[in-house]
Amino acid sequence: MIENNDIKKLKNKIQIDRVFKDGKSIKSGDLIMHFIRERDGFKSIYIGVGVYKKFVQLAYRRNRIKRQIRAIVQQHKKEVLRSLPPGLYMILYKGEVDVASEKLEKDFVGMLKNFTVCG
């Protein structure tokens, strides 16, 4: 679906704000994905990862969860490229402080399946 087979980081604050303001969202377990499919502007998938400070107060724990989610995205890179069209995606974690990578992976795969069904 994507020519250059690349997943890029979503870092631009204007684009992140646009995803939350104008985008849609789907949920699977403790993960929520806000997204905007870009039909004309982008040729890549831009993914950002965030953790709610309300649920995980300490920064080192939030950073650990973000690293786990980014690693899961890289592990499932082929599935992501196959199921997500080019656009802007923001994955948020809204759950407990201590989380296992297996649970995050299960939620992420479920979210990809939900996206292909309702996407």
C-alpha atoms as a PDB file:
ATOM      1  CA  MET A   1       0.000   0.000   0.000  1.00  0.00           C
ATOM      2  CA  ILE A   2       2.921   2.353   0.658  1.00  0.00           C
ATOM      3  CA  GLU A   3       5.648   2.836  -1.915  1.00  0.00           C
ATOM      4  CA  ASN A   4       8.619   3.553   0.341  1.00  0.00           C
ATOM      5  CA  ASN A   5       7.702   1.090   3.131  1.00  0.00           C
ATOM      6  CA  ASP A   6       8.477   3.540   5.875  1.00  0.00           C
ATOM      7  CA  ILE A   7       6.979   4.453   9.217  1.00  0.00           C
ATOM      8  CA  LYS A   8       7.959   7.920  10.392  1.00  0.00           C
ATOM      9  CA  LYS A   9       7.619   9.646  13.761  1.00  0.00           C
ATOM     10  CA  LEU A  10       4.823  12.136  14.222  1.00  0.00           C
ATOM     11  CA  LYS A  11       6.613  15.078  15.844  1.00  0.00           C
ATOM     12  CA  ASN A  12       4.981  18.226  14.498  1.00  0.00           C
ATOM     13  CA  LYS A  13       2.770  19.853  17.171  1.00  0.00           C
ATOM     14  CA  ILE A  14       0.433  21.340  14.551  1.00  0.00           C
ATOM     15  CA  GLN A  15      -0.168  17.907  13.028  1.00  0.00           C
ATOM     16  CA  ILE A  16      -0.641  16.289  16.457  1.00  0.00           C
ATOM     17  CA  ASP A  17      -3.215  18.936  17.417  1.00  0.00           C
ATOM     18  CA  ARG A  18      -4.962  18.379  14.088  1.00  0.00           C
ATOM     19  CA  VAL A  19      -5.188  14.636  14.738  1.00  0.00           C
ATOM     20  CA  PHE A  20      -6.946  15.241  18.047  1.00  0.00           C
ATOM     21  CA  LYS A  21      -9.193  18.008  16.723  1.00  0.00           C
ATOM     22  CA  ASP A  22     -10.294  16.618  13.358  1.00  0.00           C
ATOM     23  CA  GLY A  23      -9.468  12.925  13.549  1.00  0.00           C
ATOM     24  CA  LYS A  24     -11.358   9.794  14.477  1.00  0.00           C
ATOM     25  CA  SER A  25     -10.416   7.303  17.165  1.00  0.00           C
ATOM     26  CA  ILE A  26     -10.606   3.605  17.912  1.00  0.00           C
ATOM     27  CA  LYS A  27      -9.872   1.758  21.134  1.00  0.00           C
ATOM     28  CA  SER A  28      -8.568  -1.659  22.038  1.00  0.00           C
ATOM     29  CA  GLY A  29      -7.907  -2.457  25.675  1.00  0.00           C
ATOM     30  CA  ASP A  30      -5.752   0.286  27.170  1.00  0.00           C
ATOM     31  CA  LEU A  31      -4.670   1.707  23.792  1.00  0.00           C
ATOM     32  CA  ILE A  32      -6.473   4.440  21.879  1.00  0.00           C
ATOM     33  CA  MET A  33      -5.525   5.416  18.336  1.00  0.00           C
ATOM     34  CA  HIS A  34      -6.500   8.828  16.980  1.00  0.00           C
ATOM     35  CA  PHE A  35      -5.989   9.110  13.240  1.00  0.00           C
ATOM     36  CA  ILE A  36      -6.446  11.165  10.095  1.00  0.00           C
ATOM     37  CA  ARG A  37      -6.075   9.502   6.755  1.00  0.00           C
ATOM     38  CA  GLU A  38      -4.359  11.826   4.339  1.00  0.00           C
ATOM     39  CA  ARG A  39      -5.462  11.238   0.784  1.00  0.00           C
ATOM     40  CA  ASP A  40      -3.390  13.942  -0.870  1.00  0.00           C
ATOM     41  CA  GLY A  41      -0.558  15.159   1.346  1.00  0.00           C
ATOM     42  CA  PHE A  42       1.415  12.267   2.746  1.00  0.00           C
ATOM     43  CA  LYS A  43       2.972   9.184   1.233  1.00  0.00           C
ATOM     44  CA  SER A  44       4.086   7.719   4.568  1.00  0.00           C
ATOM     45  CA  ILE A  45       2.582   6.622   7.833  1.00  0.00           C
ATOM     46  CA  TYR A  46       3.370   9.037  10.658  1.00  0.00           C
ATOM     47  CA  ILE A  47       2.935   7.495  14.118  1.00  0.00           C
ATOM     48  CA  GLY A  48       3.243   9.247  17.464  1.00  0.00           C
ATOM     49  CA  VAL A  49       3.071   7.607  20.884  1.00  0.00           C
ATOM     50  CA  GLY A  50       1.883   9.164  24.130  1.00  0.00           C
ATOM     51  CA  VAL A  51       0.982   8.194  27.684  1.00  0.00           C
ATOM     52  CA  TYR A  52      -1.535  10.063  29.809  1.00  0.00           C
ATOM     53  CA  LYS A  53       0.179  11.777  32.726  1.00  0.00           C
ATOM     54  CA  LYS A  54      -3.044  11.440  34.709  1.00  0.00           C
ATOM     55  CA  PHE A  55      -2.647   7.651  34.837  1.00  0.00           C
ATOM     56  CA  VAL A  56       1.162   7.332  34.925  1.00  0.00           C
ATOM     57  CA  GLN A  57       2.615  10.202  36.932  1.00  0.00           C
ATOM     58  CA  LEU A  58       6.333   9.382  36.885  1.00  0.00           C
ATOM     59  CA  ALA A  59       8.188  10.325  33.696  1.00  0.00           C
ATOM     60  CA  TYR A  60      10.499   7.303  33.640  1.00  0.00           C
ATOM     61  CA  ARG A  61       7.485   4.980  33.700  1.00  0.00           C
ATOM     62  CA  ARG A  62       5.738   6.920  30.914  1.00  0.00           C
ATOM     63  CA  ASN A  63       8.922   6.774  28.844  1.00  0.00           C
ATOM     64  CA  ARG A  64       9.230   3.020  29.408  1.00  0.00           C
ATOM     65  CA  ILE A  65       5.670   2.428  28.213  1.00  0.00           C
ATOM     66  CA  LYS A  66       6.297   4.600  25.136  1.00  0.00           C
ATOM     67  CA  ARG A  67       9.450   2.598  24.331  1.00  0.00           C
ATOM     68  CA  GLN A  68       7.470  -0.642  24.672  1.00  0.00           C
ATOM     69  CA  ILE A  69       4.772   0.611  22.284  1.00  0.00           C
ATOM     70  CA  ARG A  70       7.343   1.823  19.734  1.00  0.00           C
ATOM     71  CA  ALA A  71       9.070  -1.575  19.868  1.00  0.00           C
ATOM     72  CA  ILE A  72       5.745  -3.321  19.250  1.00  0.00           C
ATOM     73  CA  VAL A  73       5.083  -1.070  16.246  1.00  0.00           C
ATOM     74  CA  GLN A  74       8.483  -2.045  14.818  1.00  0.00           C
ATOM     75  CA  GLN A  75       7.863  -5.751  15.487  1.00  0.00           C
ATOM     76  CA  HIS A  76       4.568  -5.565  13.591  1.00  0.00           C
ATOM     77  CA  LYS A  77       5.860  -3.250  10.865  1.00  0.00           C
ATOM     78  CA  LYS A  78       4.600  -5.416   7.996  1.00  0.00           C
ATOM     79  CA  GLU A  79       1.099  -5.612   9.479  1.00  0.00           C
ATOM     80  CA  VAL A  80       1.083  -1.846  10.089  1.00  0.00           C
ATOM     81  CA  LEU A  81       2.136  -1.095   6.521  1.00  0.00           C
ATOM     82  CA  ARG A  82      -0.459  -3.526   5.183  1.00  0.00           C
ATOM     83  CA  SER A  83      -3.425  -2.364   7.274  1.00  0.00           C
ATOM     84  CA  LEU A  84      -2.920   1.393   7.746  1.00  0.00           C
ATOM     85  CA  PRO A  85      -3.190   3.812   4.818  1.00  0.00           C
ATOM     86  CA  PRO A  86      -0.841   6.829   4.675  1.00  0.00           C
ATOM     87  CA  GLY A  87      -1.762   9.434   7.252  1.00  0.00           C
ATOM     88  CA  LEU A  88      -1.272  10.699  10.783  1.00  0.00           C
ATOM     89  CA  TYR A  89      -1.717   8.343  13.742  1.00  0.00           C
ATOM     90  CA  MET A  90      -1.376   9.003  17.464  1.00  0.00           C
ATOM     91  CA  ILE A  91      -1.344   5.986  19.796  1.00  0.00           C
ATOM     92  CA  LEU A  92      -2.152   6.754  23.426  1.00  0.00           C
ATOM     93  CA  TYR A  93      -1.854   4.513  26.463  1.00  0.00           C
ATOM     94  CA  LYS A  94      -4.534   4.976  29.089  1.00  0.00           C
ATOM     95  CA  GLY A  95      -4.113   2.298  31.724  1.00  0.00           C
ATOM     96  CA  GLU A  96      -2.272   1.058  34.768  1.00  0.00           C
ATOM     97  CA  VAL A  97       1.253   2.051  35.748  1.00  0.00           C
ATOM     98  CA  ASP A  98       2.717  -1.444  35.445  1.00  0.00           C
ATOM     99  CA  VAL A  99       1.935  -3.115  32.151  1.00  0.00           C
ATOM    100  CA  ALA A 100       3.345  -6.193  30.482  1.00  0.00           C
ATOM    101  CA  SER A 101       4.605  -6.034  26.922  1.00  0.00           C
ATOM    102  CA  GLU A 102       2.412  -9.020  26.055  1.00  0.00           C
ATOM    103  CA  LYS A 103      -0.734  -7.117  27.032  1.00  0.00           C
ATOM    104  CA  LEU A 104       0.357  -4.068  25.035  1.00  0.00           C
ATOM    105  CA  GLU A 105       1.082  -6.270  22.035  1.00  0.00           C
ATOM    106  CA  LYS A 106      -2.322  -7.961  22.304  1.00  0.00           C
ATOM    107  CA  ASP A 107      -4.056  -4.564  22.515  1.00  0.00           C
ATOM    108  CA  PHE A 108      -2.050  -3.231  19.550  1.00  0.00           C
ATOM    109  CA  VAL A 109      -2.877  -6.207  17.325  1.00  0.00           C
ATOM    110  CA  GLY A 110      -6.533  -5.905  18.337  1.00  0.00           C
ATOM    111  CA  MET A 111      -6.463  -2.218  17.467  1.00  0.00           C
ATOM    112  CA  LEU A 112      -5.076  -2.988  13.990  1.00  0.00           C
ATOM    113  CA  LYS A 113      -7.854  -5.533  13.467  1.00  0.00           C
ATOM    114  CA  ASN A 114     -10.476  -3.002  14.642  1.00  0.00           C
ATOM    115  CA  PHE A 115      -9.043  -0.447  12.239  1.00  0.00           C
ATOM    116  CA  THR A 116      -9.296  -2.760   9.234  1.00  0.00           C
ATOM    117  CA  VAL A 117     -12.886  -3.665  10.162  1.00  0.00           C
ATOM    118  CA  CYS A 118     -14.211  -0.140  10.773  1.00  0.00           C
ATOM    119  CA  GLY A 119     -11.383   1.892   9.177  1.00  0.00           C
END
